[in-house]
């Protein structure tokens, strides 16, 4: 992801915090809401430009939040833990199920730059020409453009909530000059918002952008600290393949020991060692079929 880099040092102590006047003000008028969403997104832009922020990992974790919201919109009961299991414990040839497919779509949408080829990989049921047409439907300022794309998709494909929200975030990223989508709007919208159109939908998207940008800034700062700690303990790991394993933890929301480039027993020992060092956490609370993440 390409961002304008600040001139001052990018370290953990200088990650910009979201200003209190953004987080505490209750905006009532559409003009105030639009102003605050612009301020929140501008602050997020600065944070995402920091070298210490693990962008790939952040996008992957935000993709999980977006998928959880979309699955909830469909009335399914799966939450983050079940979505992780559906994808990260998937065996070759197995189906991840409807909820797992939603999560995979979001993960694929943030793995590569925004162009239509990447979106088609995330949304293979739609042809590239249709995706391109939807993505180009938006005009104007970033959030307005995203809302227009969202409405265009839902008007032509009323049941395509996931596609609409992925394309809206892709349009938002393009308008902000980001080369890869950052899942923001889905987690901040309510199911009823997807039935709105025009100014009402734009206002809902502005409110979603404020809430999600605030959370993304907080999460980015937290993940930067966690990533720095993992990097600091990496030299203590002597297992062959440990360096590659560390890079996997720095880019994925969750990792199964079986996915690491080590024999099974060595992979489990490495995960236990990283937990002891406080560098990763076990995410499931189970004794078997465990998943680990920063």
Protein backbone atom coordinates (compact mmCIF):
# COMPACT_ATOMS: atom_id res chain seq x y z
CA UNK A 1 0.00 0.00 0.00
CA UNK A 2 1.42 3.38 -0.99
CA UNK A 3 1.04 6.42 1.26
CA UNK A 4 2.72 9.79 1.57
CA UNK A 5 5.42 9.38 4.19
CA UNK A 6 5.76 11.97 6.94
CA UNK A 7 9.13 13.69 7.30
CA UNK A 8 9.44 12.96 11.01
CA UNK A 9 10.50 9.61 12.43
CA UNK A 10 7.96 6.78 12.19
CA UNK A 11 8.18 4.98 15.50
CA UNK A 12 5.78 3.70 18.09
CA UNK A 13 5.87 6.86 20.17
CA UNK A 14 4.83 9.07 17.27
CA UNK A 15 1.83 7.18 15.90
CA UNK A 16 -0.82 9.89 15.71
CA UNK A 17 -3.84 9.38 17.94
CA UNK A 18 -7.31 10.21 16.79
CA UNK A 19 -8.06 13.72 18.13
CA UNK A 20 -10.52 13.90 21.01
CA UNK A 21 -12.69 16.34 19.07
CA UNK A 22 -13.28 13.56 16.51
CA UNK A 23 -13.96 10.80 19.02
CA UNK A 24 -16.09 12.78 21.47
CA UNK A 25 -18.15 15.16 19.34
CA UNK A 26 -21.68 14.01 18.54
CA UNK A 27 -22.34 15.38 15.09
CA UNK A 28 -25.98 16.08 14.26
CA UNK A 29 -26.01 17.85 10.91
CA UNK A 30 -24.95 16.15 7.66
CA UNK A 31 -22.28 18.82 7.21
CA UNK A 32 -20.74 18.09 10.61
CA UNK A 33 -20.84 14.33 10.02
CA UNK A 34 -19.12 14.72 6.64
CA UNK A 35 -16.48 17.00 8.17
CA UNK A 36 -15.72 14.53 10.96
CA UNK A 37 -15.52 11.59 8.58
CA UNK A 38 -13.00 13.48 6.49
CA UNK A 39 -10.96 14.31 9.59
CA UNK A 40 -11.07 10.71 10.81
CA UNK A 41 -10.00 9.32 7.43
CA UNK A 42 -7.21 11.88 7.16
CA UNK A 43 -5.87 10.83 10.55
CA UNK A 44 -6.10 7.17 9.56
CA UNK A 45 -4.18 8.00 6.38
CA UNK A 46 -1.33 9.38 8.49
CA UNK A 47 -1.31 6.31 10.73
CA UNK A 48 -1.28 3.90 7.80
CA UNK A 49 1.76 5.71 6.45
CA UNK A 50 3.89 4.72 9.44
CA UNK A 51 6.57 2.14 8.76
CA UNK A 52 5.94 0.47 12.11
CA UNK A 53 2.31 -0.35 11.33
CA UNK A 54 1.97 -3.93 9.94
CA UNK A 55 -0.41 -3.03 7.13
CA UNK A 56 -0.99 -6.53 5.75
CA UNK A 57 -1.82 -7.84 9.21
CA UNK A 58 -4.07 -4.87 9.94
CA UNK A 59 -6.01 -5.34 6.71
CA UNK A 60 -6.42 -9.05 7.42
CA UNK A 61 -7.80 -8.39 10.90
CA UNK A 62 -10.14 -5.70 9.60
CA UNK A 63 -11.28 -8.18 6.93
CA UNK A 64 -12.35 -10.51 9.74
CA UNK A 65 -14.42 -7.73 11.33
CA UNK A 66 -16.03 -6.92 7.98
CA UNK A 67 -16.81 -10.57 7.33
CA UNK A 68 -18.34 -10.97 10.78
CA UNK A 69 -20.62 -8.02 10.10
CA UNK A 70 -21.67 -9.34 6.69
CA UNK A 71 -22.39 -12.79 8.09
CA UNK A 72 -24.52 -11.14 10.78
CA UNK A 73 -26.43 -9.23 8.08
CA UNK A 74 -27.40 -12.56 6.51
CA UNK A 75 -28.80 -13.82 9.82
CA UNK A 76 -26.15 -16.49 10.32
CA UNK A 77 -24.80 -17.13 13.86
CA UNK A 78 -21.08 -17.42 13.06
CA UNK A 79 -18.80 -14.90 14.74
CA UNK A 80 -15.07 -14.22 14.52
CA UNK A 81 -13.96 -17.44 16.22
CA UNK A 82 -16.10 -19.61 13.94
CA UNK A 83 -14.95 -17.71 10.85
CA UNK A 84 -11.33 -18.26 11.80
CA UNK A 85 -11.94 -21.96 12.23
CA UNK A 86 -13.80 -22.21 8.91
CA UNK A 87 -10.88 -20.73 6.98
CA UNK A 88 -7.69 -21.49 8.88
CA UNK A 89 -8.54 -25.11 9.72
CA UNK A 90 -9.80 -25.84 6.22
CA UNK A 91 -8.41 -29.00 4.66
CA UNK A 92 -7.68 -29.29 0.92
CA UNK A 93 -10.85 -30.09 -0.95
CA UNK A 94 -13.16 -29.10 1.91
CA UNK A 95 -15.75 -26.36 1.65
CA UNK A 96 -15.54 -23.47 4.12
CA UNK A 97 -19.33 -23.13 4.13
CA UNK A 98 -21.31 -19.96 3.36
CA UNK A 99 -19.87 -17.96 6.27
CA UNK A 100 -16.34 -19.10 5.49
CA UNK A 101 -16.80 -18.05 1.86
CA UNK A 102 -17.71 -14.55 3.02
CA UNK A 103 -14.53 -14.38 5.08
CA UNK A 104 -12.43 -15.69 2.18
CA UNK A 105 -13.92 -13.03 -0.10
CA UNK A 106 -12.89 -10.27 2.29
CA UNK A 107 -9.41 -11.73 2.78
CA UNK A 108 -8.85 -11.97 -0.96
CA UNK A 109 -10.14 -8.42 -1.45
CA UNK A 110 -7.38 -7.02 0.78
CA UNK A 111 -4.52 -9.25 -0.32
CA UNK A 112 -3.77 -7.43 -3.55
CA UNK A 113 -4.11 -3.94 -5.01
CA UNK A 114 -7.58 -2.66 -5.84
CA UNK A 115 -7.72 -3.16 -9.66
CA UNK A 116 -10.55 -5.26 -11.02
CA UNK A 117 -8.40 -8.38 -11.45
CA UNK A 118 -7.97 -8.57 -7.66
CA UNK A 119 -11.66 -7.87 -7.06
CA UNK A 120 -12.61 -10.66 -9.46
CA UNK A 121 -10.49 -13.04 -7.41
CA UNK A 122 -12.48 -12.03 -4.33
CA UNK A 123 -15.83 -12.05 -6.16
CA UNK A 124 -15.54 -14.69 -8.90
CA UNK A 125 -19.31 -14.97 -9.42
CA UNK A 126 -19.30 -11.54 -11.11
CA UNK A 127 -17.52 -10.95 -14.41
CA UNK A 128 -14.77 -8.36 -14.59
CA UNK A 129 -16.71 -5.99 -16.84
CA UNK A 130 -19.55 -5.80 -14.34
CA UNK A 131 -17.16 -5.24 -11.43
CA UNK A 132 -15.36 -2.52 -13.38
CA UNK A 133 -18.65 -0.82 -14.20
CA UNK A 134 -19.70 -0.79 -10.57
CA UNK A 135 -16.32 0.44 -9.37
CA UNK A 136 -16.43 3.32 -11.85
CA UNK A 137 -19.97 4.29 -10.83
CA UNK A 138 -18.85 6.50 -7.98
CA UNK A 139 -18.05 10.17 -8.33
CA UNK A 140 -17.13 12.98 -5.96
CA UNK A 141 -15.45 12.97 -2.55
CA UNK A 142 -14.22 9.60 -1.16
CA UNK A 143 -17.16 8.65 1.07
CA UNK A 144 -19.72 9.97 -1.40
CA UNK A 145 -18.07 7.93 -4.12
CA UNK A 146 -18.13 4.80 -1.94
CA UNK A 147 -21.82 5.33 -1.13
CA UNK A 148 -22.63 5.72 -4.83
CA UNK A 149 -20.86 2.45 -5.64
CA UNK A 150 -22.64 0.72 -2.77
CA UNK A 151 -26.02 1.91 -4.07
CA UNK A 152 -25.19 0.94 -7.67
CA UNK A 153 -24.37 -2.64 -6.73
CA UNK A 154 -27.35 -3.11 -4.43
CA UNK A 155 -29.73 -1.63 -7.01
CA UNK A 156 -28.63 -4.07 -9.70
CA UNK A 157 -27.95 -7.03 -7.37
CA UNK A 158 -30.09 -6.54 -4.23
CA UNK A 159 -28.80 -9.66 -2.47
CA UNK A 160 -25.12 -9.00 -3.15
CA UNK A 161 -24.36 -7.35 0.20
CA UNK A 162 -20.81 -8.72 0.40
CA UNK A 163 -19.91 -7.67 -3.13
CA UNK A 164 -21.44 -4.23 -2.60
CA UNK A 165 -19.51 -3.60 0.60
CA UNK A 166 -16.22 -4.89 -0.82
CA UNK A 167 -16.60 -2.67 -3.87
CA UNK A 168 -17.56 0.31 -1.71
CA UNK A 169 -14.38 -0.09 0.35
CA UNK A 170 -12.37 -0.53 -2.86
CA UNK A 171 -13.84 2.70 -4.22
CA UNK A 172 -13.07 4.46 -0.95
CA UNK A 173 -9.47 3.25 -1.09
CA UNK A 174 -9.06 4.44 -4.67
CA UNK A 175 -10.49 7.84 -3.85
CA UNK A 176 -8.11 8.18 -0.90
CA UNK A 177 -5.10 7.19 -2.99
CA UNK A 178 -4.59 3.82 -1.29
CA UNK A 179 -3.56 1.03 -3.61
CA UNK A 180 -5.17 -1.73 -1.50
CA UNK A 181 -8.60 -1.77 0.11
CA UNK A 182 -8.88 -1.30 3.88
CA UNK A 183 -12.17 -2.74 5.21
CA UNK A 184 -13.94 0.15 6.91
CA UNK A 185 -17.54 0.71 5.83
CA UNK A 186 -18.96 -2.77 6.42
CA UNK A 187 -18.14 -2.87 10.12
CA UNK A 188 -19.67 0.57 10.67
CA UNK A 189 -22.94 0.11 8.80
CA UNK A 190 -26.17 -1.41 10.06
CA UNK A 191 -28.28 -3.86 8.10
CA UNK A 192 -30.99 -1.27 7.63
CA UNK A 193 -28.49 1.18 6.14
CA UNK A 194 -28.17 -1.02 3.06
CA UNK A 195 -31.78 -0.22 2.15
CA UNK A 196 -31.10 3.52 2.11
CA UNK A 197 -30.27 5.52 -1.00
CA UNK A 198 -29.13 9.00 -1.88
CA UNK A 199 -28.27 11.41 0.91
CA UNK A 200 -29.47 8.99 3.60
CA UNK A 201 -27.04 6.30 2.46
CA UNK A 202 -24.21 8.82 2.13
CA UNK A 203 -24.85 10.02 5.69
CA UNK A 204 -24.81 6.43 6.97
CA UNK A 205 -21.49 5.84 5.16
CA UNK A 206 -20.01 9.00 6.71
CA UNK A 207 -21.01 7.78 10.18
CA UNK A 208 -19.59 4.34 9.42
CA UNK A 209 -16.33 5.89 8.23
CA UNK A 210 -15.97 7.84 11.47
CA UNK A 211 -16.56 4.82 13.71
CA UNK A 212 -14.39 2.47 11.69
CA UNK A 213 -11.52 4.92 11.22
CA UNK A 214 -11.42 5.53 14.98
CA UNK A 215 -11.26 1.79 15.62
CA UNK A 216 -8.69 1.24 12.85
CA UNK A 217 -6.37 3.88 14.31
CA UNK A 218 -6.62 2.27 17.74
CA UNK A 219 -6.05 -1.19 16.29
CA UNK A 220 -3.11 -0.01 14.16
CA UNK A 221 -1.33 1.42 17.21
CA UNK A 222 -1.95 -1.77 19.19
CA UNK A 223 -0.75 -4.01 16.38
CA UNK A 224 2.33 -1.88 15.82
CA UNK A 225 3.34 -2.45 19.44
CA UNK A 226 2.64 -6.17 19.21
CA UNK A 227 4.54 -6.49 15.93
CA UNK A 228 7.52 -4.64 17.38
CA UNK A 229 7.61 -7.05 20.32
CA UNK A 230 7.44 -10.07 18.02
CA UNK A 231 10.33 -8.71 15.96
CA UNK A 232 12.34 -8.08 19.13
CA UNK A 233 12.05 -11.69 20.30
CA UNK A 234 12.62 -13.21 16.85
CA UNK A 235 16.43 -13.50 17.35
CA UNK A 236 15.78 -15.79 20.33
CA UNK A 237 14.11 -18.37 18.09
CA UNK A 238 16.54 -21.03 16.95
CA UNK A 239 14.24 -23.35 15.01
CA UNK A 240 14.96 -23.66 11.31
CA UNK A 241 12.23 -21.76 9.48
CA UNK A 242 11.49 -19.53 12.48
CA UNK A 243 12.15 -16.36 10.50
CA UNK A 244 9.62 -17.31 7.85
CA UNK A 245 7.16 -18.28 10.57
CA UNK A 246 7.52 -14.86 12.19
CA UNK A 247 6.73 -13.20 8.86
CA UNK A 248 3.56 -15.26 8.63
CA UNK A 249 2.46 -14.02 12.05
CA UNK A 250 3.19 -10.46 10.93
CA UNK A 251 0.86 -10.74 7.93
CA UNK A 252 -2.01 -12.99 9.04
CA UNK A 253 -4.76 -12.52 11.59
CA UNK A 254 -4.45 -16.16 12.65
CA UNK A 255 -2.02 -18.99 11.93
CA UNK A 256 -2.43 -22.72 12.52
CA UNK A 257 0.78 -24.55 13.52
CA UNK A 258 0.25 -26.86 10.55
CA UNK A 259 0.61 -23.85 8.22
CA UNK A 260 4.09 -22.99 9.51
CA UNK A 261 7.16 -24.07 7.50
CA UNK A 262 8.27 -26.51 10.22
CA UNK A 263 7.53 -30.14 11.12
CA UNK A 264 4.37 -30.49 13.23
CA UNK A 265 6.06 -30.95 16.58
CA UNK A 266 8.57 -28.16 15.95
CA UNK A 267 5.74 -25.84 14.84
CA UNK A 268 3.80 -26.47 18.04
CA UNK A 269 6.93 -25.89 20.14
CA UNK A 270 7.60 -22.62 18.31
CA UNK A 271 4.04 -21.43 18.95
CA UNK A 272 4.32 -22.34 22.63
CA UNK A 273 7.63 -20.52 22.83
CA UNK A 274 6.16 -17.39 21.27
CA UNK A 275 3.25 -17.51 23.71
CA UNK A 276 5.71 -17.81 26.62
CA UNK A 277 7.56 -14.77 25.28
CA UNK A 278 4.32 -12.80 25.05
CA UNK A 279 4.79 -12.35 21.30
CA UNK A 280 1.66 -14.18 20.11
CA UNK A 281 -1.59 -15.31 21.69
CA UNK A 282 -3.54 -18.55 21.42
CA UNK A 283 -6.87 -17.50 19.97
CA UNK A 284 -9.21 -20.44 20.52
CA UNK A 285 -8.89 -21.53 24.16
CA UNK A 286 -8.80 -25.14 22.98
CA UNK A 287 -6.29 -27.88 23.73
CA UNK A 288 -6.26 -29.04 20.10
CA UNK A 289 -6.79 -27.44 16.69
CA UNK A 290 -5.34 -24.24 18.03
CA UNK A 291 -4.81 -20.95 16.22
CA UNK A 292 -2.29 -18.25 17.10
CA UNK A 293 -2.03 -14.57 16.28
CA UNK A 294 -0.18 -11.38 17.18
